[in-house]
Every structure is written in C-alpha cells, then in structure tokens.
Protein backbone atom coordinates (compact mmCIF):
# COMPACT_ATOMS: atom_id res chain seq x y z
CA MET A 1 238.19 -247.02 147.79
CA GLU A 2 239.33 -246.96 144.43
CA ALA A 3 238.21 -243.89 142.36
CA ALA A 4 239.96 -244.03 139.24
CA LEU A 5 238.14 -244.62 136.32
CA LEU A 6 238.00 -247.49 134.80
CA GLU A 7 238.16 -248.57 130.98
CA HIS A 8 235.94 -250.45 128.79
CA ARG A 9 236.89 -253.27 126.49
CA ASP A 10 237.30 -250.50 124.14
CA GLY A 11 239.23 -249.24 125.81
CA ALA A 12 236.89 -245.74 126.84
CA ARG A 13 236.89 -244.56 129.97
CA ARG A 14 234.33 -244.37 132.99
CA ALA A 15 233.36 -243.63 136.07
CA PRO A 16 234.01 -246.60 139.00
CA ARG A 17 230.11 -248.46 139.62
CA GLU A 18 230.43 -247.38 143.62
CA MET A 19 231.95 -243.89 145.37
CA ARG A 20 232.51 -242.53 148.08
CA ALA A 21 229.58 -240.25 149.98
CA ALA A 22 229.19 -238.69 153.20
CA VAL A 23 225.20 -239.94 152.97
CA TYR A 24 222.88 -237.72 156.13
CA ARG A 25 221.05 -240.22 157.79
CA ALA A 26 219.73 -238.75 161.26
CA LYS A 27 220.00 -235.34 162.96
CA GLY A 28 223.50 -234.49 163.43
CA GLU A 29 224.59 -237.81 161.83
CA VAL A 30 226.45 -238.59 158.34
CA ARG A 31 228.22 -241.21 157.51
CA LEU A 32 231.08 -241.74 155.16
CA GLU A 33 229.54 -245.18 152.45
CA ALA A 34 229.95 -246.89 148.88
CA VAL A 35 227.01 -245.94 147.24
CA THR A 36 226.22 -246.45 143.53
CA VAL A 37 227.38 -244.38 140.69
CA PRO A 38 224.63 -242.27 139.56
CA GLN A 39 223.60 -243.34 136.06
CA ILE A 40 223.17 -240.42 133.78
CA GLY A 41 220.47 -240.07 130.77
CA ASP A 42 219.76 -238.17 127.77
CA GLY A 43 220.60 -234.50 128.19
CA GLU A 44 222.89 -235.23 131.42
CA ILE A 45 226.53 -235.38 132.59
CA LEU A 46 228.33 -236.80 135.35
CA VAL A 47 230.76 -234.90 137.37
CA ARG A 48 233.27 -236.13 139.24
CA VAL A 49 233.61 -232.98 141.79
CA ASP A 50 237.14 -231.75 142.94
CA CYS A 51 235.21 -229.15 145.42
CA CYS A 52 232.56 -228.49 147.37
CA GLY A 53 232.11 -225.54 149.53
CA VAL A 54 230.21 -226.11 153.21
CA CYS A 55 226.77 -223.53 153.34
CA GLY A 56 224.95 -222.35 155.97
CA THR A 57 221.51 -224.52 154.40
CA ASP A 58 223.63 -227.54 154.47
CA ILE A 59 224.62 -226.90 158.41
CA LYS A 60 221.03 -226.04 159.80
CA LYS A 61 219.92 -229.18 157.69
CA ILE A 62 222.13 -231.17 158.95
CA GLU A 63 222.52 -229.60 162.89
CA HIS A 64 218.35 -229.43 162.83
CA GLY A 65 217.48 -232.48 160.98
CA LEU A 66 215.43 -230.36 158.39
CA ALA A 67 215.05 -232.68 155.70
CA GLU A 68 214.24 -236.11 155.65
CA PRO A 69 216.80 -238.84 155.04
CA PRO A 70 218.77 -240.61 153.55
CA ARG A 71 220.49 -237.65 151.64
CA ILE A 72 223.55 -236.34 150.32
CA PHE A 73 224.06 -232.71 150.97
CA GLY A 74 226.74 -229.98 149.36
CA HIS A 75 225.62 -227.38 146.26
CA GLU A 76 228.49 -224.93 146.25
CA ILE A 77 229.88 -227.87 143.43
CA ALA A 78 233.15 -227.44 140.85
CA GLY A 79 234.54 -230.29 139.41
CA THR A 80 235.16 -231.76 135.89
CA VAL A 81 232.72 -233.45 133.50
CA ALA A 82 233.29 -237.30 133.56
CA ALA A 83 230.79 -238.45 131.42
CA ALA A 84 228.20 -236.81 129.05
CA GLY A 85 224.89 -238.03 127.86
CA PRO A 86 222.98 -238.46 124.40
CA GLY A 87 222.26 -234.99 123.32
CA VAL A 88 224.67 -232.99 125.62
CA THR A 89 227.08 -230.58 123.13
CA ARG A 90 227.97 -228.00 125.20
CA PHE A 91 230.61 -229.74 126.92
CA ARG A 92 232.37 -233.30 127.38
CA ALA A 93 234.88 -235.15 128.79
CA GLY A 94 237.36 -233.38 130.48
CA ASP A 95 235.77 -230.25 131.09
CA ARG A 96 235.65 -228.23 134.32
CA VAL A 97 232.73 -226.71 135.24
CA ALA A 98 231.27 -224.71 138.35
CA LEU A 99 227.39 -226.21 139.09
CA HIS A 100 224.12 -223.91 140.01
CA HIS A 101 221.26 -226.74 141.35
CA HIS A 102 218.65 -224.89 140.69
CA ILE A 103 217.26 -223.16 137.16
CA PRO A 104 213.67 -221.80 137.78
CA CYS A 105 210.65 -222.26 134.48
CA ARG A 106 210.59 -218.90 133.56
CA THR A 107 207.01 -219.14 132.70
CA CYS A 108 205.26 -219.16 136.25
CA PHE A 109 203.70 -216.59 138.23
CA TYR A 110 206.85 -216.39 140.59
CA CYS A 111 208.95 -216.25 137.80
CA ARG A 112 207.15 -213.31 135.92
CA LYS A 113 207.38 -211.45 138.56
CA LYS A 114 211.35 -212.50 138.80
CA LEU A 115 210.68 -214.43 142.21
CA PHE A 116 213.16 -217.23 141.14
CA SER A 117 212.99 -218.87 144.57
CA GLN A 118 209.44 -218.89 145.01
CA CYS A 119 208.90 -220.95 141.47
CA GLU A 120 207.70 -224.77 142.33
CA PHE A 121 210.44 -225.78 139.34
CA TYR A 122 213.08 -223.83 141.21
CA ARG A 123 213.03 -225.92 143.98
CA LYS A 124 213.48 -229.20 141.88
CA THR A 125 217.21 -230.02 142.55
CA GLY A 126 218.89 -230.23 139.80
CA THR A 127 222.14 -232.06 141.11
CA THR A 128 222.15 -235.82 142.73
CA ALA A 129 224.78 -238.36 144.27
CA GLY A 130 221.72 -240.88 145.18
CA TYR A 131 218.26 -240.81 147.21
CA GLU A 132 216.51 -237.79 147.04
CA PRO A 133 218.22 -235.32 145.28
CA ALA A 134 219.28 -232.86 147.89
CA GLY A 135 222.75 -231.45 145.56
CA GLY A 136 225.20 -234.43 145.52
CA GLY A 137 228.51 -232.69 146.41
CA PHE A 138 229.64 -234.61 149.57
CA ALA A 139 230.21 -237.07 147.31
CA GLU A 140 232.87 -238.56 144.38
CA TYR A 141 230.50 -237.61 141.46
CA VAL A 142 227.05 -235.97 141.09
CA ARG A 143 224.73 -236.36 138.32
CA VAL A 144 223.68 -233.23 136.48
CA MET A 145 220.32 -233.39 134.97
CA ASP A 146 219.21 -231.61 131.73
CA TRP A 147 218.36 -228.64 132.58
CA ILE A 148 220.97 -227.65 135.46
CA VAL A 149 223.23 -228.59 131.99
CA ARG A 150 221.53 -226.42 129.39
CA GLU A 151 221.13 -223.00 132.36
CA GLY A 152 222.56 -223.76 135.55
CA THR A 153 226.38 -225.23 134.46
CA VAL A 154 229.34 -222.93 133.83
CA ALA A 155 232.70 -223.65 132.05
CA ILE A 156 235.32 -222.54 134.80
CA PRO A 157 238.33 -220.89 132.78
CA ASP A 158 241.45 -222.06 132.44
CA ASP A 159 243.43 -219.89 134.66
CA VAL A 160 240.74 -219.89 137.71
CA SER A 161 240.92 -222.75 139.91
CA PHE A 162 238.40 -225.17 141.31
CA GLU A 163 237.94 -224.09 144.80
CA GLU A 164 237.40 -220.17 143.39
CA ALA A 165 234.94 -221.89 141.33
CA SER A 166 233.17 -223.18 143.98
CA PHE A 167 232.18 -219.64 145.32
CA LEU A 168 230.21 -219.11 142.04
CA GLU A 169 226.49 -219.88 143.32
CA PRO A 170 227.34 -218.43 146.68
CA LEU A 171 228.37 -215.05 145.07
CA ASN A 172 225.13 -214.97 142.89
CA THR A 173 222.86 -214.90 146.19
CA CYS A 174 224.76 -212.57 147.62
CA LEU A 175 224.09 -210.48 143.81
CA LYS A 176 220.31 -211.33 144.45
CA ALA A 177 220.28 -209.16 147.71
CA LEU A 178 221.79 -206.80 146.68
CA GLU A 179 218.86 -206.29 143.57
CA THR A 180 216.64 -207.05 146.08
CA ALA A 181 217.45 -204.43 148.26
CA GLN A 182 217.84 -202.30 145.08
CA LEU A 183 221.34 -200.78 146.22
CA GLU A 184 222.43 -197.64 144.65
CA ALA A 185 225.98 -196.27 143.96
CA GLY A 186 226.79 -194.59 146.90
CA GLU A 187 224.66 -195.48 149.71
CA VAL A 188 226.40 -196.44 153.07
CA VAL A 189 225.97 -200.39 154.18
CA VAL A 190 226.15 -202.17 157.21
CA ILE A 191 226.84 -206.23 156.97
CA VAL A 192 226.50 -207.54 160.15
CA GLY A 193 228.57 -210.59 160.01
CA GLN A 194 231.71 -210.75 158.13
CA GLY A 195 231.96 -214.53 157.40
CA PRO A 196 232.29 -215.78 154.21
CA ILE A 197 229.00 -214.76 153.71
CA GLY A 198 229.75 -211.18 154.61
CA LEU A 199 232.95 -210.98 153.25
CA LEU A 200 231.62 -212.19 149.34
CA LEU A 201 228.11 -209.46 150.42
CA LEU A 202 231.35 -206.53 151.14
CA GLN A 203 233.30 -207.20 147.74
CA ALA A 204 229.41 -207.18 145.50
CA ALA A 205 228.60 -204.18 147.31
CA ALA A 206 231.83 -201.85 146.79
CA ALA A 207 231.87 -203.47 143.31
CA GLU A 208 228.46 -201.87 143.17
CA GLY A 209 230.50 -198.48 144.77
CA ALA A 210 228.40 -198.76 147.86
CA ARG A 211 230.34 -197.25 151.20
CA VAL A 212 230.77 -200.74 153.37
CA VAL A 213 231.11 -200.81 156.70
CA GLY A 214 231.88 -204.85 158.26
CA LEU A 215 230.44 -205.54 161.89
CA ASP A 216 231.99 -208.52 163.53
CA LEU A 217 233.07 -209.75 166.67
CA MET A 218 236.22 -211.38 165.97
CA GLU A 219 239.42 -209.52 164.70
CA PRO A 220 240.73 -211.53 162.19
CA ARG A 221 237.51 -211.45 160.60
CA LEU A 222 237.23 -207.73 160.56
CA GLU A 223 241.14 -207.29 159.31
CA MET A 224 240.38 -209.48 156.48
CA ALA A 225 236.95 -206.88 155.80
CA ARG A 226 239.19 -204.30 155.54
CA ARG A 227 241.72 -205.77 153.12
CA LEU A 228 239.21 -206.81 151.24
CA GLY A 229 237.18 -203.10 150.58
CA ALA A 230 235.14 -201.87 153.62
CA GLU A 231 235.37 -198.40 154.66
CA LEU A 232 234.74 -199.10 158.19
CA ALA A 233 235.57 -202.63 159.94
CA LEU A 234 234.03 -202.62 163.35
CA ASP A 235 233.57 -204.58 166.81
CA PRO A 236 230.23 -203.20 168.22
CA ARG A 237 231.76 -204.93 171.70
CA ARG A 238 234.54 -201.89 171.71
CA ASP A 239 233.29 -199.51 168.94
CA ASP A 240 231.12 -197.09 168.25
CA VAL A 241 229.29 -198.02 165.62
CA ARG A 242 226.63 -195.96 165.70
CA GLY A 243 229.15 -192.53 165.87
CA ALA A 244 230.52 -194.03 163.16
CA ILE A 245 227.47 -194.74 160.31
CA ALA A 246 226.90 -191.18 161.67
CA GLY A 247 229.69 -189.82 160.81
CA MET A 248 229.50 -191.49 157.00
CA THR A 249 226.06 -189.66 156.59
CA GLU A 250 225.01 -186.59 158.10
CA GLY A 251 223.41 -188.24 161.21
CA ARG A 252 221.24 -190.37 159.60
CA GLY A 253 221.88 -193.65 159.86
CA ALA A 254 223.06 -196.45 156.85
CA ASP A 255 220.68 -196.34 153.89
CA LEU A 256 221.01 -200.63 153.94
CA VAL A 257 221.94 -202.95 156.72
CA ILE A 258 222.32 -206.59 156.14
CA VAL A 259 222.28 -209.75 158.65
CA ALA A 260 224.75 -212.13 157.59
CA THR A 261 224.45 -213.71 160.68
CA ALA A 262 222.13 -216.20 162.21
CA ASP A 263 221.76 -214.23 165.38
CA PRO A 264 218.11 -213.13 165.68
CA ARG A 265 220.03 -210.77 168.10
CA ALA A 266 221.05 -208.81 165.56
CA ILE A 267 217.58 -207.65 163.59
CA ALA A 268 217.01 -205.81 166.32
CA SER A 269 220.14 -204.10 166.03
CA ALA A 270 219.69 -203.99 163.00
CA GLN A 271 216.69 -201.57 162.63
CA GLU A 272 218.13 -199.58 164.79
CA MET A 273 221.80 -198.53 162.69
CA ALA A 274 219.42 -198.26 159.78
CA ARG A 275 218.50 -194.49 158.49
CA ARG A 276 214.24 -193.25 158.57
CA GLY A 277 212.97 -194.68 155.28
CA GLY A 278 216.32 -196.99 154.63
CA ARG A 279 216.58 -200.99 154.58
CA VAL A 280 217.17 -204.11 156.43
CA LEU A 281 217.43 -207.12 154.04
CA LEU A 282 217.30 -210.68 156.62
CA PHE A 283 220.24 -213.30 154.76
CA ALA A 284 220.98 -215.44 157.31
CA GLN A 285 217.16 -216.63 158.51
CA THR A 286 216.47 -219.64 157.21
CA ILE A 287 214.65 -221.81 159.99
CA PRO A 288 211.79 -222.53 159.43
CA GLY A 289 209.34 -221.27 162.24
CA GLU A 290 211.87 -219.06 163.53
CA MET A 291 210.95 -216.22 165.91
CA VAL A 292 212.80 -213.19 166.26
CA PRO A 293 212.09 -209.97 168.38
CA VAL A 294 211.85 -206.42 165.98
CA ASP A 295 210.21 -202.82 166.95
CA ALA A 296 207.56 -202.65 164.76
CA SER A 297 207.25 -198.74 165.28
CA ARG A 298 210.38 -199.14 163.21
CA ILE A 299 208.33 -200.20 160.23
CA CYS A 300 205.53 -198.15 160.49
CA VAL A 301 206.38 -195.01 161.83
CA GLU A 302 209.96 -194.37 160.44
CA GLU A 303 209.57 -196.19 157.40
CA LYS A 304 212.06 -198.73 157.83
CA LYS A 305 211.47 -201.91 155.17
CA LEU A 306 212.37 -205.26 156.33
CA ILE A 307 213.24 -207.35 153.25
CA GLY A 308 214.42 -211.06 152.93
CA SER A 309 216.24 -212.63 149.96
CA TYR A 310 216.53 -216.46 149.34
CA SER A 311 219.32 -218.12 146.95
CA ALA A 312 220.48 -217.27 143.54
CA SER A 313 219.40 -215.60 140.41
CA VAL A 314 219.47 -217.12 137.04
CA GLU A 315 219.55 -213.57 135.34
CA LEU A 316 222.53 -213.02 137.69
CA GLN A 317 224.93 -215.99 136.21
CA ASP A 318 226.50 -214.06 134.18
CA LYS A 319 227.33 -211.27 136.19
CA ALA A 320 228.45 -213.30 139.10
CA ALA A 321 230.90 -215.12 136.62
CA ARG A 322 232.65 -211.76 135.47
CA LEU A 323 232.82 -210.96 139.00
CA LEU A 324 234.60 -213.71 140.20
CA PHE A 325 236.51 -215.48 137.75
CA SER A 326 237.55 -211.67 136.58
CA ARG A 327 238.71 -211.86 140.52
CA LYS A 328 237.00 -208.60 141.08
CA VAL A 329 235.69 -210.15 143.83
CA ARG A 330 238.25 -212.05 145.70
CA VAL A 331 237.99 -215.60 147.14
CA ASN A 332 240.85 -217.29 147.62
CA GLU A 333 241.73 -215.43 150.75
CA LEU A 334 238.48 -216.76 152.20
CA VAL A 335 239.07 -220.57 152.07
CA SER A 336 240.58 -221.33 155.72
CA HIS A 337 240.08 -225.34 156.23
CA ARG A 338 239.71 -227.98 153.60
CA PHE A 339 238.07 -231.27 154.70
CA ALA A 340 238.28 -235.07 153.22
CA LEU A 341 234.69 -236.68 152.95
CA ASP A 342 235.87 -238.67 156.00
CA ARG A 343 235.75 -235.37 157.85
CA LEU A 344 232.55 -233.91 156.39
CA MET A 345 231.59 -233.49 160.00
CA GLU A 346 234.07 -232.34 161.42
CA GLY A 347 233.78 -229.12 158.78
CA VAL A 348 230.28 -229.18 159.30
CA HIS A 349 230.60 -228.62 162.88
CA LEU A 350 233.79 -225.84 162.49
CA ALA A 351 231.45 -223.95 159.34
CA ALA A 352 228.70 -223.48 162.00
CA HIS A 353 231.27 -223.06 165.18
CA PRO A 354 234.06 -221.12 163.93
CA SER A 355 237.23 -220.10 165.64
CA ALA A 356 238.71 -216.85 164.71
CA ASP A 357 241.12 -218.63 161.84
CA SER A 358 238.49 -219.92 160.15
CA LEU A 359 236.71 -218.87 157.24
CA LYS A 360 235.23 -220.66 154.24
CA VAL A 361 235.17 -224.65 155.52
CA LEU A 362 235.67 -227.04 151.56
CA ILE A 363 234.81 -230.42 150.95
CA ARG A 364 237.48 -232.10 148.63
CA PRO A 365 236.24 -235.39 147.81
C-alpha cells in the first residue's frame, strides 16, 4: 500500500486514508491488514512511526492471549509528527518525537504515593492505531491523545536517531526499578539476564555508581555486558558466581539482585545471592496467576526484601532522556534485528526465543 502523504487541493499534505498494521487477531496470531488511519481531535497529534521496539509485554500478550482481540500492539515508539490537531502548540508536522503511552492523573491515592503505574488513569493507553487502544506502534501511523501530547511526548534531538529514541520508555522502566529498589552508589548489584532490558538496567545502575555483575547463559551477551560497564559478567553454569560476589562484598552477598528474566527458577537463586537484609527485585514476572517458589525464611529470618517494579515513572522522563540522548546509556549496540510489519511474528518469536546473536528487535513500518 502506498504510504506516501497525499495532498489536499490547496497543496497541504496529509496522511493517507488507509495504512498497514499488524493486527492481533487471536492467541499467537497477528495479521498484516489494511486499516483506517486514525483521526485526531483537539490537542492530539498523528505520528508516522519510524520504528517501534518489541517489548516483553507485547510478546506475552500475543503468545499467551492476555488481551481481547482485535488490537494493534507496540508502545516503544519513535517517529515524525504527520499532523497536529487544533490547540497543539508544542509540536508541528515534521517534528521528530518519542512517545510514552501512559501518563498518571497525579492526584489519586496511588499517585500521591508515587505508585503511578497503579493509577487507574495511568492504565488508559494514550496511543492507538485503531481498535481498543493498545500502543499502536506496529502500524504506519499512530494517534497520540491529548494528555500524552502534553506530558508524554518528547522531542528527539537532531543528532539522535529514531532507533535510539525508541528506547526512551524502556529505559524509564529501568530507572523506575532502580528507584523502587532504593539503589545507592557503591552497592553491588547482580542483574540476572543480559538481554536488552538487563543491559539497560546494567548501564543505568552503573550510571548511579553501582558495581554491577551481569549473569547470562549466552557468551555474546556476557561480552556485551563487559563492554557496557559490568565489573563482572558470568555464566552460572561454569563460573563461581557466589564466590565472585563474596569477593566483592567481604562475603556478605549482593546488596541488590534484579531478576530480568522471566524464568521463575531465577528467583530462588536471586534470594540466595542477596545478602542478609538485601533486596531482590522482580522485573519480568508479568503473567497474571503465575506462581513461583520462594524461600519464605529468607524473607523473614534473613530479612531479605522481595519487591517488584512495573512500567515507567512520569517523574523520570527527563532523567531517561538525558541519559539516552547524551549516550551515557548506549543503545545502538543493543539493536540486533529489524523487521518490516509483515514479518512482525518472526520478530516476536526471535525476541521470545533469542539466539546467540540476537538482542533488541525493532519493527520498522
């Protein structure tokens, strides 16, 4: 389908009436379809998607059927403003932007507690390519609703690529996790899993002055962890992880262990690696009803905290942008595969079942 902008009779340019989108139709089923380009209203913008990252939550919703179809997923979005609705003053056609898809109300009980992701308004998705709003980045155009235009749309500097900018929201989720875990400079942090999120967490923790140990079963990912600032990068199958951590902490164990893999077996190991009074943070356990074994005595007798972190924080948007746009957190090296919309399921499968040479998967509509 021709996606070039059409022209009005007065010479102004506008989006086409139809576009391509990868539509989720059933558990494990996504189809490339022609859909209507969403209309925008007062205070809204229409963004031509340049790239959209494949997130673990997208994978789980598609592979496990966690959402009612039809939907168009994809929320790690960067692109160009194609049109601005009445009342929009911050952005105009041609501006390059990265998007968040959730913004809290800031006034409810949960917002007052700074638990923004638990706010009912936060759970309203503010970007859509049609159907029930679900992100919309796996399409050629996305409608950005007014509250996201006001508080969740970030201008991309001229020297930053769309691909780099698409990491803005996932980096924010990592910063929120570290804030939730009350990370302090000088602490020893073990990150279990050195996929794209694990490597973002690694860099964000190092930027806070932490000493970071990365764990993974794939040597290329361990090599990447070393390049990006890990003090140690170890394979638990062959390396003495506990001995290495003991050597860094006078035998105590890690101050913080972050589980950045969905493998439930990692949680028990994380509890063992944490020192008495330390913290274990779950980052990837997002399937409702999933039960995992934990050693309750480590929580009670050894006073190890077991905590979780989900989604992003509106208060960390500026910090995420500074770290990303200054390249203090490097993301170009994390992109391993790019797929067109008609190969979305291939990209989802690769992200869900990574190979030795795969890291971040991007969709380029």
